[in-house]
Structure formats: C-alpha cells, structure tokens
C-alpha atoms as a PDB file:
ATOM      1  CA  MET A   1      -0.018   0.393   0.363  1.00  0.00           C
ATOM      2  CA  LYS A   2       2.524   2.426   0.747  1.00  0.00           C
ATOM      3  CA  LYS A   3       4.363   1.971  -2.373  1.00  0.00           C
ATOM      4  CA  THR A   4       1.111   2.527  -4.164  1.00  0.00           C
ATOM      5  CA  LEU A   5       0.346   5.601  -2.891  1.00  0.00           C
ATOM      6  CA  LEU A   6       4.280   6.787  -3.099  1.00  0.00           C
ATOM      7  CA  SER A   7       3.876   6.571  -6.617  1.00  0.00           C
ATOM      8  CA  ALA A   8       0.680   7.886  -6.845  1.00  0.00           C
ATOM      9  CA  VAL A   9       1.498  10.649  -4.978  1.00  0.00           C
ATOM     10  CA  ALA A  10       4.514  11.704  -6.685  1.00  0.00           C
ATOM     11  CA  GLY A  11       2.677  13.046  -9.739  1.00  0.00           C
ATOM     12  CA  LEU A  12      -0.080  14.291  -7.358  1.00  0.00           C
ATOM     13  CA  ALA A  13       2.589  16.244  -5.746  1.00  0.00           C
ATOM     14  CA  VAL A  14       2.770  18.759  -8.845  1.00  0.00           C
ATOM     15  CA  ILE A  15      -0.854  19.833  -8.279  1.00  0.00           C
ATOM     16  CA  GLY A  16      -0.810  20.180  -4.424  1.00  0.00           C
ATOM     17  CA  SER A  17      -3.199  17.048  -3.414  1.00  0.00           C
ATOM     18  CA  ALA A  18      -0.867  15.307  -1.759  1.00  0.00           C
ATOM     19  CA  CYS A  19       3.231  14.662  -1.735  1.00  0.00           C
ATOM     20  CA  ALA A  20       5.948  13.048   0.770  1.00  0.00           C
ATOM     21  CA  ALA A  21       7.577  16.444   1.958  1.00  0.00           C
ATOM     22  CA  GLY A  22       8.380  16.014   5.815  1.00  0.00           C
ATOM     23  CA  PRO A  23       5.973  17.165   8.557  1.00  0.00           C
ATOM     24  CA  ASP A  24       7.684  20.785   9.113  1.00  0.00           C
ATOM     25  CA  THR A  25       6.525  21.805   5.250  1.00  0.00           C
ATOM     26  CA  CYS A  26       3.260  20.206   5.173  1.00  0.00           C
ATOM     27  CA  ASN A  27       1.050  23.296   5.454  1.00  0.00           C
ATOM     28  CA  PRO A  28      -1.603  23.010   8.683  1.00  0.00           C
ATOM     29  CA  ASP A  29      -4.165  25.167   6.926  1.00  0.00           C
ATOM     30  CA  LYS A  30      -4.706  22.934   4.255  1.00  0.00           C
ATOM     31  CA  TYR A  31      -2.873  19.705   4.555  1.00  0.00           C
ATOM     32  CA  VAL A  32      -2.705  17.378   7.648  1.00  0.00           C
ATOM     33  CA  TRP A  33       0.685  15.465   8.218  1.00  0.00           C
ATOM     34  CA  VAL A  34       0.035  11.125   8.286  1.00  0.00           C
ATOM     35  CA  GLU A  35       2.839   9.674  10.395  1.00  0.00           C
ATOM     36  CA  LYS A  36       1.935   6.131   9.654  1.00  0.00           C
ATOM     37  CA  ASP A  37       2.816   6.856   5.895  1.00  0.00           C
ATOM     38  CA  GLU A  38       5.084   9.758   5.771  1.00  0.00           C
ATOM     39  CA  LEU A  39       2.853  11.520   3.610  1.00  0.00           C
ATOM     40  CA  CYS A  40       1.586  15.077   3.875  1.00  0.00           C
ATOM     41  CA  ILE A  41      -2.767  14.818   2.416  1.00  0.00           C
ATOM     42  CA  PRO A  42      -5.357  17.089   2.265  1.00  0.00           C
ATOM     43  CA  LYS A  43      -7.352  17.997   5.697  1.00  0.00           C
ATOM     44  CA  ASN A  44     -10.382  16.011   3.759  1.00  0.00           C
ATOM     45  CA  PRO A  45      -8.958  13.302   1.453  1.00  0.00           C
ATOM     46  CA  CYS A  46     -12.968  12.510   0.856  1.00  0.00           C
ATOM     47  CA  LYS A  47     -12.630  15.532  -1.390  1.00  0.00           C
ATOM     48  CA  SER A  48      -9.383  15.058  -3.409  1.00  0.00           C
ATOM     49  CA  LYS A  49      -9.717  14.153  -6.885  1.00  0.00           C
ATOM     50  CA  SER A  50      -7.155  11.358  -6.590  1.00  0.00           C
ATOM     51  CA  ASP A  51      -9.108   7.850  -6.400  1.00  0.00           C
ATOM     52  CA  VAL A  52      -5.929   6.526  -4.564  1.00  0.00           C
ATOM     53  CA  ILE A  53      -6.131   8.891  -1.057  1.00  0.00           C
ATOM     54  CA  ARG A  54      -9.689   8.969  -1.458  1.00  0.00           C
ATOM     55  CA  ASP A  55      -9.566   4.856  -0.928  1.00  0.00           C
ATOM     56  CA  ALA A  56      -6.775   5.059   1.396  1.00  0.00           C
ATOM     57  CA  TYR A  57      -8.129   7.882   3.490  1.00  0.00           C
ATOM     58  CA  CYS A  58     -12.140   8.617   3.280  1.00  0.00           C
ATOM     59  CA  SER A  59     -14.530   6.283   5.166  1.00  0.00           C
ATOM     60  CA  THR A  60     -18.001   6.315   3.296  1.00  0.00           C
ATOM     61  CA  VAL A  61     -19.008   3.764   5.810  1.00  0.00           C
ATOM     62  CA  PHE A  62     -21.398   6.179   7.410  1.00  0.00           C
ATOM     63  CA  SER A  63     -22.210   8.286   4.369  1.00  0.00           C
ATOM     64  CA  ASN A  64     -25.822   7.612   4.738  1.00  0.00           C
ATOM     65  CA  VAL A  65     -26.510   8.326   8.585  1.00  0.00           C
ATOM     66  CA  GLN A  66     -27.500  11.712   9.698  1.00  0.00           C
ATOM     67  CA  LEU A  67     -27.129  12.716  13.808  1.00  0.00           C
ATOM     68  CA  SER A  68     -28.210  15.588  15.256  1.00  0.00           C
ATOM     69  CA  ASN A  69     -24.871  17.048  15.886  1.00  0.00           C
ATOM     70  CA  TRP A  70     -21.254  16.639  15.856  1.00  0.00           C
ATOM     71  CA  ARG A  71     -20.733  15.249  19.324  1.00  0.00           C
ATOM     72  CA  TYR A  72     -22.775  12.149  18.598  1.00  0.00           C
ATOM     73  CA  SER A  73     -20.385  11.695  15.700  1.00  0.00           C
ATOM     74  CA  ILE A  74     -17.398  11.209  17.649  1.00  0.00           C
ATOM     75  CA  ARG A  75     -18.771   8.552  19.478  1.00  0.00           C
ATOM     76  CA  VAL A  76     -19.693   7.107  16.995  1.00  0.00           C
ATOM     77  CA  VAL A  77     -16.713   7.129  14.986  1.00  0.00           C
ATOM     78  CA  GLN A  78     -14.352   6.142  18.716  1.00  0.00           C
ATOM     79  CA  ALA A  79     -16.239   3.074  19.047  1.00  0.00           C
ATOM     80  CA  TYR A  80     -16.019   2.238  15.656  1.00  0.00           C
ATOM     81  CA  LEU A  81     -12.591   2.123  15.366  1.00  0.00           C
ATOM     82  CA  ARG A  82     -11.958   0.465  18.429  1.00  0.00           C
ATOM     83  CA  LYS A  83     -14.422  -2.424  17.070  1.00  0.00           C
ATOM     84  CA  GLN A  84     -14.019  -2.732  14.113  1.00  0.00           C
ATOM     85  CA  ARG A  85     -10.208  -1.472  13.947  1.00  0.00           C
ATOM     86  CA  GLY A  86      -8.823  -2.160  17.390  1.00  0.00           C
ATOM     87  CA  LEU A  87      -8.145   1.465  17.086  1.00  0.00           C
ATOM     88  CA  SER A  88      -7.960   4.779  19.368  1.00  0.00           C
ATOM     89  CA  MET A  89      -8.707   8.542  18.374  1.00  0.00           C
ATOM     90  CA  THR A  90      -6.079  10.816  19.299  1.00  0.00           C
ATOM     91  CA  ASN A  91      -7.459  13.652  17.905  1.00  0.00           C
ATOM     92  CA  ILE A  92     -10.581  14.378  19.858  1.00  0.00           C
ATOM     93  CA  LYS A  93      -9.693  17.109  21.979  1.00  0.00           C
ATOM     94  CA  ASP A  94      -8.226  19.337  18.929  1.00  0.00           C
ATOM     95  CA  ILE A  95     -11.920  18.833  17.039  1.00  0.00           C
ATOM     96  CA  PRO A  96     -13.911  21.785  17.372  1.00  0.00           C
ATOM     97  CA  TYR A  97     -17.662  20.824  18.896  1.00  0.00           C
ATOM     98  CA  ASP A  98     -19.250  24.102  18.072  1.00  0.00           C
ATOM     99  CA  LYS A  99     -17.879  23.458  14.173  1.00  0.00           C
ATOM    100  CA  ASP A 100     -20.799  24.132  11.504  1.00  0.00           C
ATOM    101  CA  THR A 101     -22.374  21.588  10.504  1.00  0.00           C
ATOM    102  CA  SER A 102     -24.314  21.694   6.436  1.00  0.00           C
ATOM    103  CA  PHE A 103     -27.779  20.868   6.136  1.00  0.00           C
ATOM    104  CA  LEU A 104     -27.114  20.341   2.685  1.00  0.00           C
ATOM    105  CA  GLY A 105     -24.141  18.157   1.557  1.00  0.00           C
ATOM    106  CA  GLN A 106     -22.143  15.912   3.679  1.00  0.00           C
ATOM    107  CA  ASP A 107     -20.354  16.290   6.884  1.00  0.00           C
ATOM    108  CA  TYR A 108     -17.008  14.788   7.992  1.00  0.00           C
ATOM    109  CA  ILE A 109     -15.102  13.919  11.057  1.00  0.00           C
ATOM    110  CA  PRO A 110     -10.918  13.834  10.590  1.00  0.00           C
ATOM    111  CA  ALA A 111      -9.691  10.758  13.213  1.00  0.00           C
ATOM    112  CA  LYS A 112      -6.564  10.386  13.456  1.00  0.00           C
ATOM    113  CA  THR A 113      -5.588   7.440  15.095  1.00  0.00           C
ATOM    114  CA  SER A 114      -3.510   5.497  17.471  1.00  0.00           C
ATOM    115  CA  ASP A 115      -1.299   3.599  14.800  1.00  0.00           C
ATOM    116  CA  GLY A 116      -0.442   6.847  13.200  1.00  0.00           C
ATOM    117  CA  GLY A 117      -2.771   6.860  10.718  1.00  0.00           C
ATOM    118  CA  TYR A 118      -5.602   9.372   9.740  1.00  0.00           C
ATOM    119  CA  ILE A 119      -8.942   8.549   8.072  1.00  0.00           C
ATOM    120  CA  VAL A 120     -11.907  10.832   7.235  1.00  0.00           C
ATOM    121  CA  PHE A 121     -15.523   9.731   7.916  1.00  0.00           C
ATOM    122  CA  GLU A 122     -18.340  11.378   5.763  1.00  0.00           C
ATOM    123  CA  PHE A 123     -21.641  11.450   7.897  1.00  0.00           C
ATOM    124  CA  ASP A 124     -25.140  12.320   5.541  1.00  0.00           C
ATOM    125  CA  ASP A 125     -26.047  15.323   7.898  1.00  0.00           C
ATOM    126  CA  LEU A 126     -25.000  16.323  11.371  1.00  0.00           C
ATOM    127  CA  SER A 127     -27.668  18.616  12.710  1.00  0.00           C
ATOM    128  CA  ASP A 128     -30.718  17.011  11.528  1.00  0.00           C
ATOM    129  CA  LEU A 129     -33.235  18.121  14.626  1.00  0.00           C
ATOM    130  CA  GLY A 130     -35.861  15.422  13.101  1.00  0.00           C
ATOM    131  CA  GLY A 131     -37.112  13.119  15.899  1.00  0.00           C
ATOM    132  CA  ALA A 132     -37.805  10.333  13.359  1.00  0.00           C
ATOM    133  CA  ASP A 133     -34.413  11.253  11.163  1.00  0.00           C
ATOM    134  CA  VAL A 134     -32.180  11.054  14.650  1.00  0.00           C
ATOM    135  CA  ARG A 135     -33.959   7.809  15.830  1.00  0.00           C
ATOM    136  CA  ASN A 136     -32.738   6.107  12.282  1.00  0.00           C
ATOM    137  CA  GLY A 137     -29.717   7.257  12.210  1.00  0.00           C
ATOM    138  CA  ILE A 138     -28.542   6.306  15.711  1.00  0.00           C
ATOM    139  CA  ALA A 139     -30.487   3.091  15.092  1.00  0.00           C
ATOM    140  CA  GLN A 140     -28.253   3.103  11.697  1.00  0.00           C
ATOM    141  CA  ALA A 141     -24.736   4.419  13.127  1.00  0.00           C
ATOM    142  CA  VAL A 142     -24.600   1.448  15.925  1.00  0.00           C
ATOM    143  CA  CYS A 143     -25.285  -1.031  13.959  1.00  0.00           C
ATOM    144  CA  ILE A 144     -22.437  -0.257  11.184  1.00  0.00           C
ATOM    145  CA  VAL A 145     -20.218  -0.355  14.408  1.00  0.00           C
ATOM    146  CA  TYR A 146     -21.052  -3.071  15.566  1.00  0.00           C
ATOM    147  CA  SER A 147     -21.682  -5.532  12.430  1.00  0.00           C
ATOM    148  CA  GLY A 148     -19.146  -3.645  10.108  1.00  0.00           C
ATOM    149  CA  ARG A 149     -21.766  -2.439   7.294  1.00  0.00           C
ATOM    150  CA  ASP A 150     -24.477  -0.200   6.304  1.00  0.00           C
ATOM    151  CA  LEU A 151     -26.074  -3.322   4.765  1.00  0.00           C
ATOM    152  CA  ASN A 152     -26.692  -5.194   7.926  1.00  0.00           C
ATOM    153  CA  PHE A 153     -29.282  -2.430   8.989  1.00  0.00           C
ATOM    154  CA  GLU A 154     -32.902  -3.227   8.559  1.00  0.00           C
ATOM    155  CA  GLN A 155     -35.867  -1.001   9.460  1.00  0.00           C
ATOM    156  CA  TYR A 156     -39.362  -2.432   9.851  1.00  0.00           C
ATOM    157  CA  GLY A 157     -42.175  -1.343   7.922  1.00  0.00           C
ATOM    158  CA  GLY A 158     -41.369   2.465   8.031  1.00  0.00           C
ATOM    159  CA  ARG A 159     -42.036   2.239  12.095  1.00  0.00           C
ATOM    160  CA  GLU A 160     -39.762   4.924  13.883  1.00  0.00           C
ATOM    161  CA  ASP A 161     -39.050   2.904  16.729  1.00  0.00           C
ATOM    162  CA  PHE A 162     -37.918  -0.407  15.812  1.00  0.00           C
ATOM    163  CA  PHE A 163     -35.002  -1.527  14.112  1.00  0.00           C
ATOM    164  CA  GLY A 164     -32.867  -4.492  13.560  1.00  0.00           C
ATOM    165  CA  CYS A 165     -29.005  -5.147  13.110  1.00  0.00           C
ATOM    166  CA  LYS A 166     -27.661  -8.595  11.614  1.00  0.00           C
ATOM    167  CA  ARG A 167     -24.483 -10.541  11.840  1.00  0.00           C
ATOM    168  CA  VAL A 168     -23.870  -9.339  15.080  1.00  0.00           C
ATOM    169  CA  SER A 169     -23.477 -11.326  18.899  1.00  0.00           C
ATOM    170  CA  GLU A 170     -26.234 -11.280  21.158  1.00  0.00           C
ATOM    171  CA  SER A 171     -23.179  -9.529  24.105  1.00  0.00           C
ATOM    172  CA  ASP A 172     -22.686  -6.792  21.039  1.00  0.00           C
ATOM    173  CA  CYS A 173     -26.912  -6.921  21.082  1.00  0.00           C
ATOM    174  CA  LEU A 174     -27.005  -5.999  24.865  1.00  0.00           C
ATOM    175  CA  GLU A 175     -24.111  -3.163  23.919  1.00  0.00           C
ATOM    176  CA  MET A 176     -25.829  -1.727  21.438  1.00  0.00           C
ATOM    177  CA  ALA A 177     -29.063  -0.963  22.893  1.00  0.00           C
ATOM    178  CA  GLN A 178     -26.744   0.867  25.736  1.00  0.00           C
ATOM    179  CA  MET A 179     -24.991   2.696  23.443  1.00  0.00           C
ATOM    180  CA  MET A 180     -28.537   3.699  21.626  1.00  0.00           C
ATOM    181  CA  THR A 181     -29.899   4.835  25.478  1.00  0.00           C
ATOM    182  CA  GLU A 182     -26.859   7.353  25.696  1.00  0.00           C
ATOM    183  CA  LEU A 183     -27.120   8.669  22.381  1.00  0.00           C
ATOM    184  CA  ARG A 184     -30.700   9.330  22.932  1.00  0.00           C
ATOM    185  CA  ASP A 185     -30.017  10.883  26.084  1.00  0.00           C
ATOM    186  CA  GLY A 186     -30.957   8.537  28.440  1.00  0.00           C
ATOM    187  CA  HIS A 187     -34.009   7.400  26.616  1.00  0.00           C
ATOM    188  CA  LEU A 188     -34.406   3.939  27.179  1.00  0.00           C
ATOM    189  CA  VAL A 189     -33.712   1.383  24.064  1.00  0.00           C
ATOM    190  CA  THR A 190     -34.607  -2.653  24.660  1.00  0.00           C
ATOM    191  CA  ALA A 191     -32.392  -4.924  22.613  1.00  0.00           C
ATOM    192  CA  SER A 192     -34.068  -8.685  21.826  1.00  0.00           C
ATOM    193  CA  TYR A 193     -32.117 -11.280  20.336  1.00  0.00           C
ATOM    194  CA  GLU A 194     -33.890 -13.380  18.135  1.00  0.00           C
ATOM    195  CA  LEU A 195     -33.210 -16.383  15.560  1.00  0.00           C
ATOM    196  CA  TYR A 196     -34.133 -15.813  11.799  1.00  0.00           C
ATOM    197  CA  SER A 197     -37.709 -17.360  10.627  1.00  0.00           C
ATOM    198  CA  ASP A 198     -35.646 -20.073   8.702  1.00  0.00           C
ATOM    199  CA  GLY A 199     -33.186 -20.688  11.328  1.00  0.00           C
ATOM    200  CA  SER A 200     -30.214 -19.331   8.860  1.00  0.00           C
ATOM    201  CA  GLY A 201     -28.631 -16.905  11.785  1.00  0.00           C
ATOM    202  CA  TYR A 202     -30.107 -14.502  15.130  1.00  0.00           C
ATOM    203  CA  LEU A 203     -31.016 -10.982  14.681  1.00  0.00           C
ATOM    204  CA  CYS A 204     -30.688  -8.155  16.700  1.00  0.00           C
ATOM    205  CA  ASN A 205     -33.923  -6.556  17.695  1.00  0.00           C
ATOM    206  CA  LEU A 206     -34.084  -2.718  19.119  1.00  0.00           C
ATOM    207  CA  THR A 207     -36.473  -1.064  20.069  1.00  0.00           C
ATOM    208  CA  PHE A 208     -36.879   3.058  21.467  1.00  0.00           C
ATOM    209  CA  GLU A 209     -39.278   3.272  24.336  1.00  0.00           C
ATOM    210  CA  LYS A 210     -41.482   6.442  24.368  1.00  0.00           C
END
C-alpha cells in the first residue's frame, strides 16, 4: 500500500493534492501529516480528485447516516475504530465542538488514530433535528459500529421505533442498546436477540421505548 501511495503522490505533488514532504513543510491550514505513511495529504481526502487518496484516507461507511450533533458523531467514530479496527482516536480534543455542519451536503469527522494513521469519516448530516430521522440515524450508526456494514441494518415497515441489525453477537446486541440509549440522552432502548424464521442466523431487534 505504501509503495502504491508513494508512486501515486509523486504525480499528485505537481498539482498540490499530496506530497511526501516532511511534517515541517506540510501546511496545517490545508494539509495533514500522516505519520504512519509519512505523507502530507489534504485535510479532507474525501474531496480529493485522486482515487488513491480517497480510498486510503476517506471512509464512507457512515455516508448515509444522519445524527443530530457533532458530539454524537465523534462517539460513533470512536466506537467504530475500537470495535472494527482495534484503534483509538487521538485527536478528539482538537476537534471544535462548535464546528458548523451543513443542512445540505455531507459532513465530515477527521480522525487521527493510535497507529499514526488518519481517516476522515463522511456522514450524511450532523445537524438533523427531526425525531424520526435522528432515531433512524442512531440505530443505523450503532449497527454499523458493531456489524461493520450499513447493509446489515434493517428498518421494519417504516416504523420509527423498531430496528434490526444482522450479524452481531448476543453480547453485542445488548451493548448496542446501551450505546443507543446513551446517544438518545438516556431515553431507554431495549434489545432482543432472536433466531431468523428460516433458522439461518440471529437478528438483534432494537426498540426505542416511549
């Protein structure tokens, strides 16, 4: 991967998209130094014109998720990094909690990781105030955290209080309900772990209590 990145950025350096310069020459206003790869890349690689840069440093796993505020998205990213990659997020205090988010277009969370890496996570919206949308976003985000994929998330018949998540363990299912309760400011979310009707596996059902 590193050889691929270095060969790609050699050409990109000409147009200023990325370069292998040292950290002292990496302009912090527009770029970030990635210690793991010894590269200076755009702060938001998700908007890079380079497929190599986007694939290496932009995660779209939450690109369809809407949440109500910036703080919740950071907690979701922390949990995802810990659960799916065994990493911690090291720049939490550096992210401004009063950062503007957009009602139109995507929002982004930059994460420096404990292995010296850098990933920007793309979200659909981090300023959604609609009750149903926020519940859906919380359930969807937590399912991704624990199952690793958006495709494992289910919303039942348009209901606003009942969701499902595939390919998680029973202990994960209980932890998911707890995390969703916390993201819902203490309003209870309950979980049940049930066998599929065809007996092919288990499903974590999550219910937002009134």
